[in-house]
Protein backbone atom coordinates (compact mmCIF):
# COMPACT_ATOMS: atom_id res chain seq x y z
CA MET A 1 -34.37 53.26 1.18
CA GLN A 2 -34.69 53.41 4.85
CA THR A 3 -35.18 57.51 6.10
CA PHE A 4 -34.04 57.99 10.08
CA LEU A 5 -34.81 61.25 11.47
CA ILE A 6 -32.53 62.61 14.36
CA SER A 7 -33.19 65.57 15.94
CA GLY A 8 -29.90 67.69 17.95
CA ALA A 9 -27.87 66.87 14.64
CA GLY A 10 -25.93 69.75 14.25
CA SER A 11 -23.08 68.80 16.78
CA GLY A 12 -22.25 66.60 19.86
CA ILE A 13 -23.81 63.33 19.58
CA GLY A 14 -26.25 64.36 17.04
CA ARG A 15 -24.50 64.59 14.91
CA ALA A 16 -22.23 60.99 15.22
CA ILE A 17 -25.29 59.62 15.61
CA CYS A 18 -25.38 60.99 11.78
CA LEU A 19 -22.49 59.58 11.19
CA ALA A 20 -22.49 55.85 12.26
CA ILE A 21 -26.29 55.54 10.27
CA ALA A 22 -25.01 57.36 7.01
CA ASN A 23 -21.77 54.67 6.91
CA ALA A 24 -23.00 51.83 8.04
CA SER A 25 -25.58 51.60 4.75
CA LYS A 26 -25.39 53.12 1.72
CA GLU A 27 -29.22 52.57 1.94
CA ASN A 28 -29.49 54.85 4.72
CA SER A 29 -30.40 58.19 4.20
CA VAL A 30 -30.40 61.00 7.38
CA VAL A 31 -33.07 63.28 8.04
CA LEU A 32 -30.71 66.13 10.19
CA LEU A 33 -33.04 68.57 12.45
CA GLY A 34 -31.70 71.40 14.40
CA ARG A 35 -31.99 74.72 15.48
CA ARG A 36 -28.45 76.40 13.94
CA LYS A 37 -28.93 75.42 10.29
CA GLN A 38 -24.95 76.63 9.47
CA ALA A 39 -24.13 73.51 11.79
CA LEU A 40 -26.29 71.45 10.20
CA GLU A 41 -24.83 72.04 7.07
CA GLU A 42 -21.93 71.29 8.59
CA SER A 43 -22.77 68.08 9.88
CA LEU A 44 -24.51 67.26 6.22
CA ALA A 45 -20.94 68.43 4.43
CA LEU A 46 -19.60 65.35 6.38
CA LEU A 47 -21.61 62.97 5.00
CA PRO A 48 -21.00 60.29 2.10
CA ASN A 49 -23.76 60.89 -0.54
CA SER A 50 -24.44 63.96 1.59
CA SER A 51 -27.50 64.54 -1.63
CA GLN A 52 -30.11 61.79 -0.24
CA HIS A 53 -29.92 63.23 3.34
CA LEU A 54 -31.56 66.20 4.74
CA ALA A 55 -30.77 69.22 6.79
CA LEU A 56 -33.62 71.33 8.02
CA GLN A 57 -34.30 73.73 11.02
CA ALA A 58 -36.11 73.44 13.68
CA ASP A 59 -37.04 74.64 17.04
CA LEU A 60 -38.05 71.67 18.86
CA ARG A 61 -40.32 73.90 21.26
CA ASP A 62 -42.04 75.59 18.84
CA PRO A 63 -44.49 73.98 16.89
CA ALA A 64 -45.38 75.40 13.88
CA SER A 65 -41.69 75.39 13.45
CA LEU A 66 -41.13 71.84 13.55
CA ARG A 67 -45.37 71.26 10.99
CA ALA A 68 -42.76 73.36 8.52
CA ALA A 69 -39.85 70.90 8.93
CA PHE A 70 -42.38 67.93 8.82
CA ARG A 71 -43.83 69.19 5.31
CA GLU A 72 -40.41 70.09 4.04
CA ALA A 73 -39.02 66.48 5.03
CA ASN A 74 -41.89 65.12 2.67
CA LEU A 75 -41.02 62.26 5.84
CA ALA A 76 -45.14 60.54 3.61
CA LYS A 77 -43.22 59.81 0.98
CA ARG A 78 -39.75 58.25 2.91
CA ASN A 79 -39.27 55.30 4.75
CA LEU A 80 -38.76 56.65 7.82
CA VAL A 81 -37.40 53.45 10.15
CA GLY A 82 -36.57 55.74 12.76
CA VAL A 83 -36.58 58.47 15.33
CA ILE A 84 -33.47 59.64 17.40
CA ALA A 85 -34.84 62.52 20.16
CA ASN A 86 -31.02 63.72 20.34
CA ALA A 87 -32.01 67.97 21.08
CA GLY A 88 -31.24 69.25 24.43
């Protein structure tokens, strides 16, 4: 399983990137990162095999928020192959 971390994943281009990656292969997993939990959950619901993906609320301007999200994502145990910095 390949994992991609996408910031700004709750809407717009970030959501489209998540969909493209998830639809490209069943072997792709997406960690959706963003400030708005409801928007992230809506994006997550659109992905195929939504149970293999993870939505995490975090603010890129807040280092403590990011650390908590990264701990929850347990990125050390995932095969992280790409990061897309789309927030902003």
